[in-house]
Protein backbone atom coordinates (compact mmCIF):
# COMPACT_ATOMS: atom_id res chain seq x y z
CA MET A 1 138.57 54.24 104.59
CA ASP A 2 139.60 56.79 101.97
CA ILE A 3 140.04 56.11 98.26
CA GLN A 4 143.82 55.76 98.39
CA THR A 5 143.73 53.23 101.22
CA TRP A 6 141.13 51.10 99.42
CA THR A 7 143.19 51.35 96.23
CA PHE A 8 146.38 50.21 97.98
CA ILE A 9 144.55 47.26 99.54
CA ILE A 10 142.74 46.07 96.40
CA VAL A 11 145.56 46.74 93.93
CA GLY A 12 148.13 45.27 96.33
CA ALA A 13 146.04 42.12 96.78
CA THR A 14 145.62 41.64 93.02
CA PHE A 15 149.33 42.20 92.36
CA ALA A 16 150.22 39.67 95.04
CA LEU A 17 147.85 37.22 93.34
CA TYR A 18 149.40 37.79 89.91
CA ILE A 19 152.97 37.36 91.19
CA GLY A 20 152.00 34.28 93.20
CA ILE A 21 150.48 32.69 90.09
CA ALA A 22 153.62 33.54 88.07
CA VAL A 23 155.84 31.84 90.66
CA TRP A 24 153.54 28.79 90.83
CA SER A 25 153.34 28.37 87.06
CA ARG A 26 156.81 29.50 85.98
CA ALA A 27 158.03 28.12 82.67
CA GLY A 28 160.51 25.25 82.72
CA SER A 29 160.91 24.77 78.96
CA THR A 30 160.57 26.73 75.74
CA LYS A 31 157.21 25.05 75.06
CA ASP A 32 155.98 26.23 78.48
CA PHE A 33 157.37 29.71 77.75
CA TYR A 34 155.89 30.01 74.24
CA VAL A 35 152.55 28.13 74.39
CA ALA A 36 152.10 27.03 78.04
CA GLY A 37 152.96 23.46 77.10
CA GLY A 38 149.90 23.28 74.82
CA SER A 39 147.85 22.00 77.77
CA VAL A 40 145.56 24.88 78.80
CA PRO A 41 141.88 23.85 79.25
CA PRO A 42 139.46 25.59 76.83
CA LEU A 43 137.55 27.46 79.58
CA ALA A 44 140.75 28.86 81.09
CA ASN A 45 142.08 29.72 77.65
CA GLY A 46 138.80 31.50 76.84
CA MET A 47 139.17 33.70 79.91
CA ALA A 48 142.86 34.32 79.20
CA THR A 49 142.08 35.19 75.58
CA ALA A 50 139.40 37.65 76.69
CA ALA A 51 141.83 39.31 79.11
CA ASP A 52 144.57 39.35 76.46
CA TRP A 53 142.24 40.90 73.92
CA MET A 54 140.42 43.38 76.21
CA SER A 55 143.27 45.78 76.74
CA ALA A 56 143.50 49.20 78.33
CA ALA A 57 141.69 50.47 75.24
CA SER A 58 138.67 48.29 76.01
CA PHE A 59 138.58 48.95 79.74
CA ILE A 60 139.87 52.51 80.08
CA SER A 61 139.54 54.24 76.75
CA MET A 62 136.69 52.80 74.67
CA ALA A 63 133.79 54.06 76.81
CA GLY A 64 135.55 57.43 77.04
CA MET A 65 135.74 57.60 73.24
CA ILE A 66 132.05 56.75 72.95
CA SER A 67 131.25 59.38 75.63
CA PHE A 68 132.93 62.15 73.68
CA LEU A 69 132.30 61.02 70.11
CA GLY A 70 128.82 59.55 70.61
CA TYR A 71 127.73 57.73 67.48
CA ASP A 72 131.18 58.14 65.91
CA GLY A 73 132.75 56.29 68.84
CA SER A 74 130.77 53.19 67.92
CA VAL A 75 133.41 52.35 65.29
CA TYR A 76 135.63 51.03 68.08
CA LEU A 77 132.81 48.94 69.51
CA MET A 78 131.84 47.45 66.14
CA GLY A 79 135.38 46.96 64.87
CA TRP A 80 136.83 45.21 67.90
CA THR A 81 133.81 42.99 68.50
CA GLY A 82 133.43 42.04 64.85
CA GLY A 83 137.14 41.41 64.58
CA TYR A 84 137.09 38.79 67.27
CA VAL A 85 134.25 36.93 65.50
CA LEU A 86 136.31 37.06 62.30
CA LEU A 87 139.33 35.67 64.12
CA ALA A 88 137.36 32.88 65.82
CA LEU A 89 135.62 31.72 62.65
CA LEU A 90 138.24 32.23 59.93
CA LEU A 91 141.65 31.82 61.50
CA ALA A 92 141.89 30.26 64.96
CA PRO A 93 141.15 26.58 64.17
CA TYR A 94 143.34 26.50 61.06
CA LEU A 95 146.31 28.16 62.73
CA ARG A 96 146.03 25.77 65.67
CA LYS A 97 145.99 22.85 63.28
CA PHE A 98 149.12 24.15 61.58
CA GLY A 99 150.75 23.72 64.99
CA LYS A 100 153.37 26.48 65.10
CA PHE A 101 154.35 28.58 68.12
CA THR A 102 154.12 32.04 66.57
CA VAL A 103 152.69 33.97 63.62
CA PRO A 104 156.19 34.46 62.07
CA ASP A 105 156.64 30.70 62.45
CA PHE A 106 153.44 30.14 60.47
CA VAL A 107 154.44 32.68 57.82
CA GLY A 108 157.97 31.27 57.51
CA ASP A 109 156.85 27.65 57.09
CA ARG A 110 153.75 28.33 55.01
CA TYR A 111 155.73 30.50 52.62
CA TYR A 112 158.84 28.26 52.78
CA SER A 113 161.11 31.26 53.19
CA SER A 114 163.43 32.71 55.83
CA THR A 115 162.87 36.11 54.22
CA ALA A 116 159.14 35.83 54.79
CA ARG A 117 159.85 34.81 58.38
CA MET A 118 162.09 37.84 58.94
CA VAL A 119 159.56 40.24 57.44
CA ALA A 120 156.93 38.73 59.75
CA VAL A 121 159.25 39.14 62.76
CA VAL A 122 159.76 42.82 61.95
CA CYS A 123 156.00 43.32 61.52
CA ALA A 124 155.23 41.48 64.78
CA VAL A 125 157.72 43.51 66.79
CA PHE A 126 156.62 46.83 65.23
CA ILE A 127 152.92 46.12 65.81
CA SER A 128 153.50 44.85 69.34
CA PHE A 129 155.53 47.88 70.40
CA THR A 130 152.87 50.24 69.01
CA TYR A 131 150.17 48.31 70.85
CA VAL A 132 152.06 47.97 74.13
CA ALA A 133 152.66 51.74 74.25
CA GLY A 134 148.92 52.17 74.81
CA GLN A 135 148.91 49.55 77.59
CA MET A 136 151.78 51.13 79.47
CA ARG A 137 150.18 54.55 79.08
CA GLY A 138 146.96 53.21 80.59
CA THR A 139 148.93 51.76 83.50
CA GLY A 140 150.59 55.12 84.10
CA ILE A 141 147.24 56.94 84.09
CA VAL A 142 145.78 54.62 86.74
CA PHE A 143 148.82 54.87 88.99
CA SER A 144 149.10 58.64 88.60
CA ARG A 145 145.57 59.23 89.87
CA PHE A 146 145.11 56.60 92.52
CA LEU A 147 148.64 56.35 93.93
CA ASN A 148 149.46 60.07 93.59
CA VAL A 149 152.53 59.58 91.41
CA ASP A 150 153.50 61.05 88.05
CA ILE A 151 152.30 59.20 84.94
CA GLU A 152 155.94 58.49 84.14
CA MET A 153 156.50 56.85 87.53
CA GLY A 154 153.25 54.92 87.08
CA VAL A 155 154.57 53.49 83.82
CA VAL A 156 157.80 52.43 85.57
CA ILE A 157 155.83 50.62 88.31
CA GLY A 158 153.81 48.81 85.64
CA MET A 159 157.04 47.84 83.86
CA ILE A 160 158.40 46.22 87.01
CA ILE A 161 155.24 44.18 87.63
CA VAL A 162 154.96 42.98 84.01
CA PHE A 163 158.67 42.20 83.87
CA PHE A 164 158.39 39.93 86.88
CA TYR A 165 155.59 37.63 85.76
CA ALA A 166 156.15 37.81 81.99
CA VAL A 167 159.87 37.04 82.16
CA MET A 168 159.55 34.38 84.85
CA GLY A 169 156.37 32.62 83.78
CA GLY A 170 156.33 33.02 80.01
CA MET A 171 153.07 31.96 78.37
CA LYS A 172 152.35 29.47 81.14
CA GLY A 173 152.56 32.12 83.85
CA ILE A 174 150.85 34.74 81.70
CA THR A 175 147.93 32.44 80.87
CA TYR A 176 146.94 31.70 84.44
CA THR A 177 147.65 35.28 85.50
CA GLN A 178 145.30 36.44 82.73
CA VAL A 179 142.53 34.17 84.04
CA ALA A 180 142.76 36.03 87.36
CA GLN A 181 143.03 39.38 85.58
CA TYR A 182 139.89 38.70 83.57
CA CYS A 183 137.94 38.01 86.77
CA VAL A 184 139.25 41.25 88.29
CA LEU A 185 138.63 43.45 85.24
CA ILE A 186 135.11 42.22 84.44
CA PHE A 187 133.99 42.51 88.07
CA ALA A 188 135.54 46.00 88.27
CA TYR A 189 133.81 47.06 85.04
CA LEU A 190 130.34 45.75 85.82
CA VAL A 191 129.94 46.68 89.50
CA PRO A 192 130.02 50.51 89.12
CA VAL A 193 127.90 50.58 85.97
CA ILE A 194 125.24 48.42 87.64
CA PHE A 195 125.24 50.80 90.63
CA ILE A 196 124.89 53.84 88.34
CA SER A 197 122.20 52.21 86.20
CA ILE A 198 120.10 51.62 89.31
CA MET A 199 120.69 55.19 90.54
CA MET A 200 119.81 56.83 87.21
CA THR A 201 117.16 54.56 85.68
CA GLY A 202 116.07 52.15 88.41
CA ASN A 203 117.20 49.22 86.23
CA ALA A 204 119.94 46.88 87.45
CA ILE A 205 120.75 45.73 83.89
CA PRO A 206 122.87 48.51 82.30
CA GLN A 207 122.02 47.47 78.74
CA LEU A 208 118.32 48.00 79.50
CA GLY A 209 118.95 51.13 81.52
CA PHE A 210 120.79 52.58 78.51
CA GLY A 211 117.52 52.52 76.55
CA GLY A 212 115.37 53.37 79.58
CA THR A 213 113.96 56.50 81.15
CA LEU A 214 115.23 58.77 83.92
CA ASP A 215 113.35 59.91 87.01
CA ASP A 216 111.48 62.63 85.09
CA GLY A 217 110.25 60.16 82.44
CA THR A 218 112.55 61.30 79.61
CA TYR A 219 114.66 58.76 77.79
CA LEU A 220 118.34 58.80 78.74
CA LEU A 221 119.54 59.28 75.15
CA ASP A 222 117.00 62.06 74.54
CA ARG A 223 118.30 63.83 77.64
CA LEU A 224 121.89 63.38 76.50
CA ASP A 225 121.09 64.69 73.02
CA GLY A 226 119.42 67.73 74.60
CA LEU A 227 122.31 68.44 76.96
CA SER A 228 124.81 68.10 74.11
CA ALA A 229 122.86 70.49 71.88
CA GLU A 230 122.52 73.05 74.69
CA LEU A 231 126.27 73.10 75.16
CA GLY A 232 127.03 73.39 71.44
CA PHE A 233 128.14 69.80 70.87
CA ALA A 234 126.78 67.61 68.10
CA ALA A 235 123.83 65.46 69.19
CA TYR A 236 125.15 62.39 71.00
CA THR A 237 123.30 60.00 68.67
CA SER A 238 124.36 61.74 65.45
CA GLY A 239 127.55 61.16 63.49
CA THR A 240 130.01 63.75 62.17
CA LYS A 241 132.76 61.56 60.69
CA PRO A 242 132.77 60.99 56.91
CA MET A 243 131.01 57.69 56.25
CA ILE A 244 134.00 56.35 54.32
CA ASP A 245 136.18 56.94 57.38
CA VAL A 246 133.66 55.18 59.65
CA PHE A 247 133.74 52.20 57.30
CA PHE A 248 137.54 52.15 56.99
CA ILE A 249 138.19 52.47 60.73
CA THR A 250 135.69 49.71 61.50
CA ALA A 251 137.20 47.44 58.85
CA ALA A 252 140.78 48.19 60.01
CA LEU A 253 139.88 47.31 63.59
CA MET A 254 138.11 44.13 62.49
CA VAL A 255 140.81 42.70 60.27
CA GLY A 256 143.49 44.11 62.55
CA THR A 257 142.05 42.08 65.41
CA ALA A 258 142.21 38.97 63.24
CA GLY A 259 145.88 39.68 62.53
CA LEU A 260 147.11 40.51 66.03
CA PRO A 261 149.90 38.09 66.91
CA HIS A 262 149.39 38.10 70.69
CA VAL A 263 145.76 36.96 70.32
CA ILE A 264 146.47 34.38 67.61
CA VAL A 265 149.15 32.66 69.70
CA ARG A 266 146.58 31.94 72.41
CA PHE A 267 145.02 29.27 70.20
CA PHE A 268 148.30 27.33 70.21
CA THR A 269 148.07 26.82 73.99
CA VAL A 270 145.19 24.28 73.92
CA PRO A 271 145.67 20.53 73.32
CA ARG A 272 143.50 20.07 70.21
CA VAL A 273 141.93 21.91 67.28
CA ARG A 274 138.47 21.31 68.74
CA ASP A 275 139.64 22.98 71.95
CA ALA A 276 140.70 26.05 69.95
CA ARG A 277 137.15 26.40 68.61
CA THR A 278 135.66 25.86 72.07
CA SER A 279 137.96 28.37 73.76
CA ALA A 280 137.14 30.91 71.02
CA GLY A 281 133.44 30.51 71.85
CA TYR A 282 134.07 30.96 75.57
CA ALA A 283 136.18 34.04 74.91
CA LEU A 284 133.42 35.61 72.83
CA ILE A 285 130.95 35.20 75.70
CA PHE A 286 133.41 36.74 78.16
CA ILE A 287 134.14 39.64 75.79
CA VAL A 288 130.45 40.38 75.19
CA LEU A 289 129.95 40.97 78.93
CA LEU A 290 132.15 44.07 78.73
CA TYR A 291 131.45 45.26 75.20
CA SER A 292 127.67 45.18 75.49
CA THR A 293 128.00 47.27 78.68
CA ALA A 294 130.36 49.95 77.30
CA PRO A 295 127.70 52.08 75.50
CA ALA A 296 125.63 52.25 78.69
CA LEU A 297 128.63 53.24 80.77
CA ALA A 298 129.57 55.92 78.22
CA ALA A 299 126.10 57.47 78.25
CA PHE A 300 125.83 57.39 82.05
CA ALA A 301 129.27 58.94 82.46
CA LYS A 302 128.69 61.73 79.91
CA THR A 303 125.35 62.67 81.47
CA ASN A 304 126.82 62.79 84.97
CA LEU A 305 129.88 64.74 83.80
CA ILE A 306 127.80 67.47 82.16
CA LYS A 307 125.46 67.75 85.15
CA THR A 308 128.37 67.88 87.59
CA VAL A 309 130.74 70.42 86.01
CA ASP A 310 128.93 72.71 83.55
CA ASN A 311 128.43 76.25 84.85
CA VAL A 312 129.67 75.30 88.32
CA GLU A 313 131.72 77.69 90.46
CA TYR A 314 135.33 76.54 90.20
CA SER A 315 135.79 77.14 93.93
CA GLU A 316 132.99 74.64 94.61
CA VAL A 317 134.09 71.76 92.36
CA PRO A 318 133.99 68.30 93.98
CA GLU A 319 137.13 66.58 95.23
CA TRP A 320 137.35 64.22 92.23
CA PHE A 321 137.78 67.24 89.94
CA THR A 322 140.84 68.59 91.75
CA ASN A 323 142.30 65.09 92.08
CA TRP A 324 142.19 64.54 88.31
CA GLU A 325 143.48 68.05 87.66
CA GLN A 326 146.70 67.02 89.40
CA THR A 327 147.30 64.36 86.74
CA GLY A 328 147.15 66.93 83.93
CA LEU A 329 144.38 64.95 82.19
CA LEU A 330 141.65 67.39 83.30
CA LYS A 331 142.26 71.11 82.78
CA PHE A 332 140.22 74.26 83.49
CA GLU A 333 141.10 77.62 81.96
CA ASP A 334 138.88 80.54 82.99
CA LEU A 335 138.71 82.39 79.68
CA ASN A 336 136.10 84.97 80.73
CA ASN A 337 137.32 85.33 84.33
CA ASP A 338 133.90 84.71 85.87
CA GLY A 339 135.04 81.86 88.08
CA ARG A 340 132.58 79.42 86.55
CA ILE A 341 133.28 76.41 84.35
CA GLN A 342 131.97 76.74 80.79
CA PHE A 343 131.89 73.32 79.10
CA THR A 344 130.93 73.89 75.46
CA GLY A 345 131.41 72.50 71.99
CA ASP A 346 132.96 75.75 70.75
CA PRO A 347 136.77 75.74 71.12
CA ALA A 348 136.74 79.52 71.43
CA THR A 349 134.61 79.47 74.59
CA ASN A 350 135.22 76.02 76.05
CA GLU A 351 137.09 76.23 79.36
CA LEU A 352 137.29 72.53 80.26
CA THR A 353 139.59 69.98 78.63
CA VAL A 354 138.85 66.36 79.52
CA ASP A 355 141.07 63.51 78.35
CA PRO A 356 138.78 60.66 77.19
CA ASP A 357 141.00 58.17 78.99
CA ILE A 358 139.82 59.32 82.43
CA ILE A 359 136.09 58.78 81.92
CA VAL A 360 135.84 55.16 83.08
CA LEU A 361 138.27 55.67 85.94
CA ALA A 362 136.62 58.87 87.15
CA ASN A 363 133.06 57.65 86.61
CA PRO A 364 132.58 56.07 90.08
CA GLU A 365 133.87 59.25 91.74
CA ILE A 366 131.61 61.47 89.64
CA ALA A 367 128.62 59.29 90.58
CA GLN A 368 129.70 59.36 94.27
CA LEU A 369 129.92 55.59 94.60
CA PRO A 370 131.57 53.99 97.67
CA ASN A 371 135.35 54.32 97.92
CA TRP A 372 135.89 50.57 97.63
CA VAL A 373 134.25 50.65 94.18
CA ILE A 374 136.69 53.35 93.08
CA GLY A 375 139.63 51.23 94.27
CA LEU A 376 138.16 48.22 92.46
CA VAL A 377 137.99 50.13 89.17
CA ALA A 378 141.65 51.11 89.54
CA ALA A 379 142.54 47.43 89.97
CA GLY A 380 140.43 46.54 86.92
CA GLY A 381 142.13 49.12 84.73
CA LEU A 382 145.53 47.81 85.75
CA ALA A 383 144.43 44.21 85.11
CA ALA A 384 143.29 45.12 81.57
CA ALA A 385 146.48 46.99 80.73
CA LEU A 386 148.92 44.51 82.27
CA SER A 387 147.25 41.40 80.84
CA THR A 388 147.59 42.63 77.26
CA ALA A 389 151.04 44.13 77.85
CA ALA A 390 152.29 40.74 79.02
CA GLY A 391 150.90 39.00 75.93
CA LEU A 392 152.52 41.54 73.64
CA LEU A 393 155.87 41.32 75.38
CA LEU A 394 155.76 37.57 74.96
CA VAL A 395 155.20 38.00 71.21
CA ILE A 396 158.26 40.23 71.03
CA SER A 397 160.45 37.84 73.04
CA THR A 398 159.37 34.74 71.10
CA SER A 399 159.85 36.54 67.79
CA VAL A 400 163.43 37.32 68.77
CA ALA A 401 164.35 34.05 70.50
CA HIS A 402 162.44 31.48 68.44
CA ASP A 403 161.95 33.02 65.00
CA LEU A 404 165.14 35.09 64.75
CA PHE A 405 167.71 33.03 66.68
CA LYS A 406 166.42 29.44 66.73
CA ARG A 407 164.85 29.27 63.28
CA THR A 408 167.14 31.66 61.38
CA LEU A 409 170.48 32.63 62.93
CA LYS A 410 171.42 29.66 65.14
CA PRO A 411 169.39 26.48 64.44
CA ASP A 412 171.52 24.41 66.85
CA LEU A 413 170.61 26.66 69.82
CA SER A 414 169.84 24.56 72.90
CA ASP A 415 166.47 24.68 74.60
CA LYS A 416 168.01 26.21 77.72
CA ASN A 417 169.83 28.97 75.84
CA GLU A 418 166.76 29.74 73.74
CA LEU A 419 164.77 30.19 76.95
CA TRP A 420 167.41 32.57 78.31
CA ILE A 421 167.36 34.63 75.08
CA ALA A 422 163.55 34.78 75.27
CA ARG A 423 163.73 36.12 78.82
CA ILE A 424 166.42 38.67 77.97
CA ALA A 425 164.38 39.82 74.94
CA ALA A 426 161.29 40.17 77.15
CA GLY A 427 163.28 42.30 79.59
CA GLY A 428 164.56 44.54 76.80
CA ALA A 429 161.04 44.81 75.38
CA VAL A 430 159.73 45.96 78.78
CA ILE A 431 162.22 48.85 78.77
CA VAL A 432 161.34 49.96 75.24
CA ALA A 433 157.62 49.59 75.98
CA GLY A 434 158.05 51.79 79.04
CA TYR A 435 159.63 54.51 76.90
CA PHE A 436 156.70 54.46 74.48
CA GLY A 437 154.28 54.46 77.41
CA ILE A 438 155.88 57.65 78.70
CA ASN A 439 156.01 59.19 75.19
CA PRO A 440 152.96 57.73 73.39
CA PRO A 441 151.89 58.76 69.86
CA GLY A 442 148.34 59.57 71.07
CA PHE A 443 145.74 58.74 73.69
CA VAL A 444 145.25 55.07 74.55
CA ALA A 445 142.51 54.07 72.08
CA GLN A 446 144.07 56.05 69.23
CA THR A 447 147.51 54.51 69.80
CA ILE A 448 146.03 51.03 69.87
CA ALA A 449 143.96 51.75 66.74
CA PHE A 450 147.25 52.44 64.94
CA ALA A 451 148.50 48.99 65.99
CA PHE A 452 145.34 47.37 64.62
CA GLY A 453 145.79 49.21 61.33
CA LEU A 454 149.36 47.97 61.06
CA ALA A 455 148.24 44.39 61.78
CA ALA A 456 145.49 44.69 59.17
CA ALA A 457 147.90 45.95 56.53
CA SER A 458 150.62 43.37 57.16
CA PHE A 459 149.56 40.07 58.74
CA PHE A 460 145.90 39.62 57.83
CA PRO A 461 146.30 39.18 54.05
CA ALA A 462 149.32 36.88 54.49
CA ILE A 463 147.45 34.68 56.96
CA ILE A 464 144.11 34.56 55.15
CA LEU A 465 145.74 33.85 51.78
CA GLY A 466 148.05 31.35 53.42
CA ILE A 467 145.05 29.37 54.65
CA PHE A 468 142.56 29.73 51.81
CA TYR A 469 144.67 30.22 48.66
CA LYS A 470 147.09 27.34 48.28
CA LYS A 471 148.86 28.88 45.27
CA MET A 472 149.94 32.00 47.17
CA ASN A 473 153.76 31.94 47.06
CA LYS A 474 156.54 33.49 49.10
CA GLU A 475 157.22 36.32 46.64
CA GLY A 476 153.61 37.49 46.72
CA ALA A 477 153.31 37.25 50.51
CA VAL A 478 156.56 39.12 51.19
CA ALA A 479 155.84 41.86 48.66
CA GLY A 480 152.33 42.34 50.02
CA MET A 481 153.45 42.54 53.67
CA VAL A 482 156.22 45.02 52.91
CA VAL A 483 154.01 47.30 50.81
CA GLY A 484 151.13 47.12 53.31
CA ILE A 485 153.06 47.95 56.47
CA VAL A 486 155.36 50.56 54.87
CA PHE A 487 152.41 52.43 53.34
CA THR A 488 150.32 52.31 56.52
CA ALA A 489 153.16 53.24 58.86
CA SER A 490 154.22 56.12 56.60
CA TYR A 491 150.69 57.55 56.51
CA ILE A 492 150.32 57.31 60.30
CA ILE A 493 153.76 58.80 60.97
CA TYR A 494 153.20 61.67 58.53
CA PHE A 495 149.91 62.84 60.00
CA THR A 496 150.68 62.01 63.64
CA PHE A 497 154.32 63.09 64.01
CA LEU A 498 155.63 64.94 60.96
CA ASN A 499 152.65 67.13 60.09
CA PRO A 500 150.00 66.97 62.84
CA GLU A 501 148.55 70.34 61.77
CA ALA A 502 147.35 68.67 58.55
CA ASN A 503 145.62 65.82 60.42
CA ASN A 504 142.06 66.65 59.37
CA PRO A 505 139.54 65.39 56.78
CA ASP A 506 140.52 68.08 54.28
CA ASN A 507 144.02 66.62 53.93
CA TRP A 508 143.40 62.90 54.38
CA TRP A 509 143.51 60.68 51.30
CA PHE A 510 139.92 60.00 50.23
CA GLY A 511 138.76 61.28 53.65
CA ILE A 512 140.42 58.35 55.48
CA SER A 513 141.97 59.10 58.88
CA PRO A 514 145.23 57.56 60.18
CA GLU A 515 143.11 55.26 62.38
CA GLY A 516 141.40 53.84 59.29
CA ILE A 517 144.26 53.79 56.80
CA GLY A 518 145.10 50.19 57.68
CA THR A 519 142.13 49.08 55.56
CA LEU A 520 143.63 50.73 52.49
CA GLY A 521 147.00 49.23 53.42
CA MET A 522 145.35 45.80 53.57
CA LEU A 523 143.81 46.27 50.11
CA LEU A 524 147.21 47.30 48.73
CA ASN A 525 148.77 44.24 50.36
CA LEU A 526 146.18 41.95 48.76
CA ALA A 527 146.50 43.61 45.36
CA VAL A 528 150.30 43.44 45.33
CA ALA A 529 150.36 39.83 46.55
CA LEU A 530 147.86 38.64 43.96
CA VAL A 531 149.66 40.44 41.13
CA VAL A 532 153.14 39.24 42.12
CA VAL A 533 152.01 35.61 42.47
CA ARG A 534 150.98 35.60 38.80
CA PHE A 535 154.48 36.52 37.60
CA THR A 536 156.61 34.39 39.91
CA LYS A 537 157.35 30.74 40.50
CA GLU A 538 154.44 28.49 41.52
CA THR A 539 154.13 27.34 45.14
CA PRO A 540 155.77 23.88 45.67
CA GLY A 541 153.40 20.91 45.58
CA GLU A 542 154.12 19.84 49.16
CA ILE A 543 153.14 23.30 50.45
CA GLN A 544 149.90 23.21 48.47
CA GLU A 545 149.20 19.78 49.93
CA LEU A 546 149.91 21.12 53.44
CA VAL A 547 147.42 23.96 52.92
CA GLU A 548 144.79 21.49 51.72
CA ASN A 549 145.44 19.35 54.78
CA ILE A 550 144.90 22.08 57.39
CA ARG A 551 141.44 22.72 55.92
CA VAL A 552 140.32 19.07 56.13
CA PRO A 553 138.34 18.45 59.36
CA GLY A 554 139.27 14.79 59.74
CA THR A 555 143.04 15.20 60.01
CA ARG A 556 143.56 17.12 63.20
CA LYS A 557 146.82 17.46 65.04
C-alpha cells in the first residue's frame, strides 16, 4: 500500500480510538470535567502527564531544531527535561496537597484575593493560547503532507477532533485519551529511529548509535561535523549562540515548564499526595524515552538529508522531496541556473530552504523506511499535538468557567450550568486556537518557547513564593505577575511582530533573545514581589498557617 493509504488507516484507527475513549469516559460533573474526579491511578496519570507535556514541539520540532542548530539546539533538550524535574520535585506534591482545581484557584486562595485570581486567569489564558498555537500548527503540518490538504485545512480538521473529545470528556476524557496518545506517540517516535540506527551504525539502541561509528569506521558526529564544514555551516557540535542567551533560554524553558498550568493541573487528578509524587516519577521515565532519543534522531536525519539532497540534479530528486515541496515547507530556488541543488551555509548561495518542523516527519521517507512506518509517524505527530492542545483548552475553559464565573462573578452558579459554561468556553477556545494555528507567531518550537517564557515570568515566582515563603502577600504576588508578563510579552511582541528586522543579537537586551527573555521577566517578577511585600500589609496569620501546613508531610489531604 502507498503512504497515503497507510496514513488514512493508522490515523483513522487512532482517531476512532480517541473518540471512543472520550465517549466512554465523558464527564458527568464539574469535578470529572476539571480533575477527572480525582481518581486517576498514578501509572495512568504518569502516561497522561507525559503525553500532555510532550507536545508537538517535543515530537515534531525539537529534533528538527537540534538538526539545524546542532549544539545550540540542546537548549530545548536541557530546558524542557530539567523543567519537568523541577516541577516534580518542587511543586507537584505541594500543589496537590493544597487541593485546588486550577492554578488561578491556587493563586486566588493562597493570596486571599479576587484580583490575584483574575490576574492569574488572564496569564493562564494568554499562555495557553500562545502554547496551543504551536500545537494546532503542528497538526496542520502533519495533515498537509500526509492527507494532501492545505495547512489551514489541516488545522481545521485538528480543531474538530480536539473539540469533540475535549468538550465532551473534559479532564476525564482527556486523561484516558492521553494515555492512548502517549502509547501511539512513543511507539511512532522510537520505531523509525531504531530502524535508522541499525541501518547507519548497526546498533539497535539509538542512544548508542549516536555515539557510534558508520560503515567506514568514522564516528557519526565526526562525519556530521565534516559534512557541515564542507557546506559552509558551523560544525554540528560547536555553538554559535551567545552563552548568556543559551543560559537564559535554558532557564526560561525550565522554570516555564514548572509554571505551565496544563501540566500542573494533572497532579490534581490523583487521589492522594503520595500518588502525585508517584505519577511524577512515572512521567519522568516516560518522558526520558523520547528525550534521550531526540539527539540521535536529529543527527541521523541531518546526515541523511545532506547526503540525499546536496548537489543532486533537481530533476532526479526523490518523491519525498516533491511531496514536501507541495506543503511550502521545503523550497528550492535555482540561483545559478545549473539545475542542481546547492545546500550551503551561505545565504547568498544557498538554494534550499528547509523548515525545521518537517525533519522528524520526513525522516522515515528520507531513509526509505516502509510506508507503514511513515504513516505511523504521522499518527504520532498528531497524537503529540492533540494531546497537549486538549490539555491547554481545558485550562482555558476551567479558567473561564470555574475561576471567572464560579469563584468571582457568580458564586451561586449551579454545577450543571458551570459545566455548560466550561464546554462553551472550550468550544470558543478551539476556534481562537485554530486562528493562531493558521497564523502562528513562528515555527512550532519557537512559538512554544514563547509560551514557556511567559509562564516563567508570570506563574513560577507566584507559585514558588506561595509555597516556600509564607509572608508573601497578595500585593507582592499581583505586582510581580503583572510586571513579569507585561515585560516579557512586550519584548516578544516587539522583536517578533513590530520590528522583526531588529531580531538579532546586536539589538537584544544584554544579548538575550525573545525565547530567553522569560528568565529576565521572572527575575523582575521576583524582585518586584519581594520589594512590594516589604512595604505592604503582612499576610494574614491563617494564610501563613495554611502555607506551613502544606509543607508538613504528615497532614496530607
